[in-house]
């Protein structure tokens, strides 16, 4: 956690008082992914769980088709940021020659060259196991309790995958990055995406749903609002999409039959 948080001086102003104190803030740094020595993408991310981030990003962005095609060779820290050096099959590397991405923590599509590049084909996911509303509520409560970076800084998103053995969680300043880290962690832990569901502390954007589809996740639960394109993408991918999941309520936008209500 030490690499993910920085201590800064702040002045707390309340009514007529001013109190100096030290504050913990989340670190945001440029993280570059290089494939076979060539730069592919630069994202602003929180510099923790970088092995998960590298693999998850490569999978969700279609750099590789399977985890065994990706090998993280080195992580190089410098004053400019962090470089993740990966090795991928030559056929995958050749396909990347026209693709370069420059992103920010709040944007998952910066740097695409055309409108056609922005809306990529979405794969159809395998039929996921149905899930109960009670289990979703438990996962959301667990997600809120498993965010140490956000507890200290208040500025971090989290993505969690609820499965038979519990809830796997990853955090990042960017919601897309948090999901990429989670996807990588799921692959490293050999967790089946068809047996469980995603909970995320953000809106359900197109990019979130697309990354879930690329990872084979069939149920997505977002705390905030969906976009129309996210709903259409979920319908095309066969993903159950719920949003505004707070307390005992949520809205279902695609494949609602997979949600089991209490009898």
Protein backbone atom coordinates (compact mmCIF):
# COMPACT_ATOMS: atom_id res chain seq x y z
CA UNK A 1 0.00 0.00 0.00
CA UNK A 2 2.97 2.34 0.52
CA UNK A 3 3.38 2.80 -3.26
CA UNK A 4 -0.30 3.60 -3.68
CA UNK A 5 -0.61 6.40 -1.11
CA UNK A 6 1.30 9.64 -0.55
CA UNK A 7 1.30 11.89 2.50
CA UNK A 8 0.68 15.59 1.84
CA UNK A 9 0.18 18.69 3.96
CA UNK A 10 -3.33 20.12 4.00
CA UNK A 11 -5.21 22.90 5.74
CA UNK A 12 -8.59 21.93 7.12
CA UNK A 13 -11.02 24.85 7.10
CA UNK A 14 -14.28 24.57 9.02
CA UNK A 15 -16.38 27.57 9.97
CA UNK A 16 -13.83 30.04 11.41
CA UNK A 17 -11.08 27.52 12.24
CA UNK A 18 -8.03 26.46 10.26
CA UNK A 19 -6.13 23.35 11.27
CA UNK A 20 -2.98 22.08 9.54
CA UNK A 21 -2.71 18.31 9.22
CA UNK A 22 -1.23 15.54 7.10
CA UNK A 23 -3.51 13.86 4.58
CA UNK A 24 -3.24 10.55 2.72
CA UNK A 25 -3.90 10.87 -1.02
CA UNK A 26 -3.96 8.20 -3.68
CA UNK A 27 -0.97 8.11 -6.03
CA UNK A 28 -1.66 8.63 -9.74
CA UNK A 29 1.24 7.84 -12.06
CA UNK A 30 1.85 7.14 -15.76
CA UNK A 31 2.03 3.38 -16.33
CA UNK A 32 3.21 2.29 -19.77
CA UNK A 33 2.73 -1.15 -21.29
CA UNK A 34 5.40 -2.21 -23.77
CA UNK A 35 4.96 -5.36 -25.82
CA UNK A 36 8.08 -7.00 -27.24
CA UNK A 37 9.93 -3.74 -26.63
CA UNK A 38 7.43 -1.50 -28.44
CA UNK A 39 5.19 0.94 -26.54
CA UNK A 40 1.49 0.17 -26.77
CA UNK A 41 -0.42 2.11 -24.11
CA UNK A 42 0.05 4.65 -21.35
CA UNK A 43 -2.57 4.88 -18.61
CA UNK A 44 -2.75 6.99 -15.48
CA UNK A 45 -3.07 4.43 -12.71
CA UNK A 46 -2.38 3.69 -9.06
CA UNK A 47 1.00 1.87 -8.93
CA UNK A 48 -0.03 -1.26 -7.03
CA UNK A 49 -1.01 -4.77 -8.20
CA UNK A 50 0.87 -4.05 -11.41
CA UNK A 51 1.22 -7.72 -12.41
CA UNK A 52 -2.57 -8.05 -12.27
CA UNK A 53 -2.98 -4.76 -14.14
CA UNK A 54 -0.66 -5.76 -16.97
CA UNK A 55 -2.34 -9.11 -17.58
CA UNK A 56 -5.88 -7.82 -17.13
CA UNK A 57 -5.31 -4.87 -19.46
CA UNK A 58 -3.78 -7.14 -22.11
CA UNK A 59 -6.78 -9.47 -21.93
CA UNK A 60 -9.52 -6.84 -21.78
CA UNK A 61 -8.00 -4.82 -24.64
CA UNK A 62 -7.50 -7.86 -26.85
CA UNK A 63 -3.71 -7.63 -26.89
CA UNK A 64 -3.69 -11.38 -26.25
CA UNK A 65 -6.45 -13.94 -26.41
CA UNK A 66 -5.41 -16.01 -23.39
CA UNK A 67 -3.33 -15.56 -20.26
CA UNK A 68 -0.69 -18.03 -21.41
CA UNK A 69 0.13 -15.74 -24.36
CA UNK A 70 1.27 -12.99 -21.99
CA UNK A 71 4.44 -12.83 -19.91
CA UNK A 72 5.44 -9.84 -17.80
CA UNK A 73 9.20 -9.65 -18.19
CA UNK A 74 10.10 -6.59 -16.10
CA UNK A 75 8.73 -3.61 -14.18
CA UNK A 76 10.92 -0.53 -14.50
CA UNK A 77 10.42 2.47 -12.23
CA UNK A 78 11.78 5.88 -13.23
CA UNK A 79 11.17 9.55 -12.46
CA UNK A 80 8.81 9.67 -15.46
CA UNK A 81 6.62 6.76 -14.40
CA UNK A 82 6.50 2.98 -14.56
CA UNK A 83 7.13 0.78 -17.59
CA UNK A 84 5.64 -2.71 -17.77
CA UNK A 85 7.65 -4.81 -20.24
CA UNK A 86 5.74 -7.77 -21.63
CA UNK A 87 6.45 -10.54 -24.09
CA UNK A 88 3.66 -11.71 -26.41
CA UNK A 89 3.55 -13.96 -29.50
CA UNK A 90 4.81 -12.30 -32.67
CA UNK A 91 1.44 -12.67 -34.40
CA UNK A 92 -0.18 -10.65 -31.59
CA UNK A 93 2.59 -8.06 -31.75
CA UNK A 94 2.08 -7.59 -35.48
CA UNK A 95 -1.61 -6.87 -34.88
CA UNK A 96 -0.71 -4.05 -32.49
CA UNK A 97 1.32 -1.98 -34.92
CA UNK A 98 -1.56 0.39 -35.66
CA UNK A 99 -2.94 0.42 -32.15
CA UNK A 100 -1.61 2.88 -29.60
CA UNK A 101 -3.57 4.19 -26.65
CA UNK A 102 -2.97 7.17 -24.42
CA UNK A 103 -5.45 7.24 -21.59
CA UNK A 104 -6.35 9.05 -18.42
CA UNK A 105 -7.78 7.64 -15.21
CA UNK A 106 -11.25 8.82 -16.21
CA UNK A 107 -11.16 7.72 -19.85
CA UNK A 108 -10.83 4.33 -21.45
CA UNK A 109 -10.93 5.30 -25.13
CA UNK A 110 -8.45 8.19 -25.42
CA UNK A 111 -6.14 7.91 -28.39
CA UNK A 112 -8.21 5.73 -30.72
CA UNK A 113 -7.75 6.76 -34.33
CA UNK A 114 -11.32 6.58 -35.64
CA UNK A 115 -14.95 6.15 -34.65
CA UNK A 116 -14.78 2.59 -35.95
CA UNK A 117 -11.92 1.87 -33.55
CA UNK A 118 -13.90 3.26 -30.61
CA UNK A 119 -16.74 0.73 -30.84
CA UNK A 120 -15.05 -2.64 -30.99
CA UNK A 121 -16.89 -5.93 -31.56
CA UNK A 122 -18.07 -7.51 -28.33
CA UNK A 123 -17.85 -11.27 -27.71
CA UNK A 124 -20.81 -13.27 -26.46
CA UNK A 125 -20.18 -14.58 -22.93
CA UNK A 126 -21.01 -18.05 -21.68
CA UNK A 127 -24.31 -18.39 -19.83
CA UNK A 128 -23.56 -17.39 -16.21
CA UNK A 129 -25.01 -19.08 -13.17
CA UNK A 130 -28.04 -17.21 -11.73
CA UNK A 131 -27.44 -15.15 -8.60
CA UNK A 132 -29.69 -14.17 -5.70
CA UNK A 133 -30.43 -10.62 -4.65
CA UNK A 134 -29.31 -11.55 -1.14
CA UNK A 135 -25.89 -12.59 -2.43
CA UNK A 136 -25.53 -9.36 -4.40
CA UNK A 137 -26.35 -7.31 -1.31
CA UNK A 138 -23.76 -9.27 0.69
CA UNK A 139 -21.13 -8.70 -2.01
CA UNK A 140 -21.80 -4.95 -2.09
CA UNK A 141 -21.45 -4.77 1.70
CA UNK A 142 -18.21 -6.77 1.52
CA UNK A 143 -16.89 -4.52 -1.25
CA UNK A 144 -17.39 -1.45 0.89
CA UNK A 145 -15.41 -3.10 3.69
CA UNK A 146 -12.52 -4.28 1.46
CA UNK A 147 -11.22 -0.97 0.15
CA UNK A 148 -8.19 -0.05 2.27
CA UNK A 149 -6.90 2.56 -0.20
CA UNK A 150 -10.26 4.29 -0.42
CA UNK A 151 -10.69 4.13 3.35
CA UNK A 152 -7.51 6.18 3.76
CA UNK A 153 -7.74 8.48 0.74
CA UNK A 154 -11.41 8.66 -0.28
CA UNK A 155 -10.45 8.82 -3.96
CA UNK A 156 -10.28 5.28 -5.25
CA UNK A 157 -12.58 3.01 -7.25
CA UNK A 158 -12.89 -0.71 -6.55
CA UNK A 159 -13.91 -3.71 -8.63
CA UNK A 160 -14.76 -7.02 -6.99
CA UNK A 161 -15.66 -10.48 -8.25
CA UNK A 162 -17.94 -12.50 -6.00
CA UNK A 163 -17.30 -16.24 -6.32
CA UNK A 164 -17.71 -19.40 -4.28
CA UNK A 165 -14.71 -18.69 -2.04
CA UNK A 166 -15.45 -15.03 -1.30
CA UNK A 167 -14.86 -11.64 -2.91
CA UNK A 168 -11.70 -10.78 -4.83
CA UNK A 169 -11.12 -6.99 -4.88
CA UNK A 170 -8.72 -4.62 -6.62
CA UNK A 171 -8.54 -0.82 -6.27
CA UNK A 172 -7.32 2.00 -8.49
CA UNK A 173 -7.83 5.70 -9.06
CA UNK A 174 -9.47 4.77 -12.38
CA UNK A 175 -12.50 2.52 -12.58
CA UNK A 176 -11.25 0.88 -15.80
CA UNK A 177 -7.89 0.21 -14.19
CA UNK A 178 -9.51 -1.35 -11.13
CA UNK A 179 -11.40 -3.73 -13.42
CA UNK A 180 -8.27 -4.57 -15.41
CA UNK A 181 -6.44 -5.37 -12.17
CA UNK A 182 -9.33 -7.57 -11.09
CA UNK A 183 -9.39 -9.43 -14.42
CA UNK A 184 -5.67 -10.10 -14.10
CA UNK A 185 -6.05 -11.24 -10.51
CA UNK A 186 -8.86 -13.60 -11.52
CA UNK A 187 -6.66 -15.19 -14.16
CA UNK A 188 -3.75 -15.50 -11.72
CA UNK A 189 -6.08 -17.17 -9.19
CA UNK A 190 -7.75 -19.35 -11.87
CA UNK A 191 -11.24 -18.08 -11.00
CA UNK A 192 -14.00 -19.03 -13.47
CA UNK A 193 -15.76 -15.83 -14.65
CA UNK A 194 -18.95 -17.80 -15.41
CA UNK A 195 -19.45 -18.67 -11.74
CA UNK A 196 -19.80 -15.35 -9.99
CA UNK A 197 -20.46 -11.71 -10.74
CA UNK A 198 -18.76 -8.31 -10.92
CA UNK A 199 -19.51 -5.49 -8.49
CA UNK A 200 -18.00 -2.09 -9.20
CA UNK A 201 -18.03 1.29 -7.45
CA UNK A 202 -18.75 3.36 -10.53
CA UNK A 203 -21.22 3.94 -13.30
CA UNK A 204 -21.75 1.18 -15.85
CA UNK A 205 -20.07 2.64 -18.92
CA UNK A 206 -19.53 1.02 -22.32
CA UNK A 207 -15.89 0.37 -21.45
CA UNK A 208 -16.73 -1.41 -18.19
CA UNK A 209 -19.24 -3.72 -19.90
CA UNK A 210 -16.92 -4.34 -22.86
CA UNK A 211 -14.01 -5.28 -20.57
CA UNK A 212 -16.32 -7.60 -18.62
CA UNK A 213 -17.36 -9.29 -21.85
CA UNK A 214 -13.74 -9.70 -22.96
CA UNK A 215 -13.05 -11.39 -19.60
CA UNK A 216 -16.09 -13.68 -19.89
CA UNK A 217 -17.97 -12.12 -16.95
CA UNK A 218 -21.71 -12.60 -17.43
CA UNK A 219 -23.19 -10.50 -14.60
CA UNK A 220 -22.23 -6.87 -13.90
CA UNK A 221 -23.52 -4.94 -10.88
CA UNK A 222 -22.72 -1.20 -10.76
CA UNK A 223 -23.36 1.16 -7.89
CA UNK A 224 -24.04 4.16 -10.14
CA UNK A 225 -25.90 4.79 -13.40
CA UNK A 226 -25.59 2.95 -16.73
CA UNK A 227 -25.21 4.52 -20.16
CA UNK A 228 -27.38 3.59 -23.11
CA UNK A 229 -24.37 2.17 -24.97
CA UNK A 230 -23.44 0.06 -21.95
CA UNK A 231 -26.97 -1.40 -21.93
CA UNK A 232 -26.86 -2.16 -25.65
CA UNK A 233 -23.42 -3.71 -25.27
CA UNK A 234 -24.63 -5.89 -22.40
CA UNK A 235 -27.58 -7.05 -24.50
CA UNK A 236 -25.27 -7.92 -27.40
CA UNK A 237 -22.80 -9.75 -25.16
CA UNK A 238 -25.40 -11.71 -23.16
CA UNK A 239 -24.48 -9.92 -19.92
CA UNK A 240 -26.94 -9.33 -17.10
CA UNK A 241 -26.52 -5.65 -16.25
CA UNK A 242 -27.73 -4.02 -13.04
CA UNK A 243 -27.07 -0.48 -11.88
CA UNK A 244 -28.05 1.90 -9.06
CA UNK A 245 -27.30 -1.05 -6.75
CA UNK A 246 -27.60 0.51 -3.34
CA UNK A 247 -29.06 -0.90 -0.16
CA UNK A 248 -31.85 -3.34 -0.99
CA UNK A 249 -32.62 -1.98 -4.46
CA UNK A 250 -31.17 -2.09 -7.97
CA UNK A 251 -32.30 -1.59 -11.56
CA UNK A 252 -31.98 -4.39 -14.12
CA UNK A 253 -31.36 -3.46 -17.76
CA UNK A 254 -30.45 -6.72 -19.52
CA UNK A 255 -31.25 -10.41 -18.92
CA UNK A 256 -33.12 -9.87 -15.63
CA UNK A 257 -34.16 -13.52 -15.43
CA UNK A 258 -30.77 -14.43 -13.95
CA UNK A 259 -31.55 -12.54 -10.74
CA UNK A 260 -33.23 -14.74 -8.14
CA UNK A 261 -35.55 -12.89 -5.78
CA UNK A 262 -36.36 -14.04 -2.23
CA UNK A 263 -39.51 -16.10 -2.01
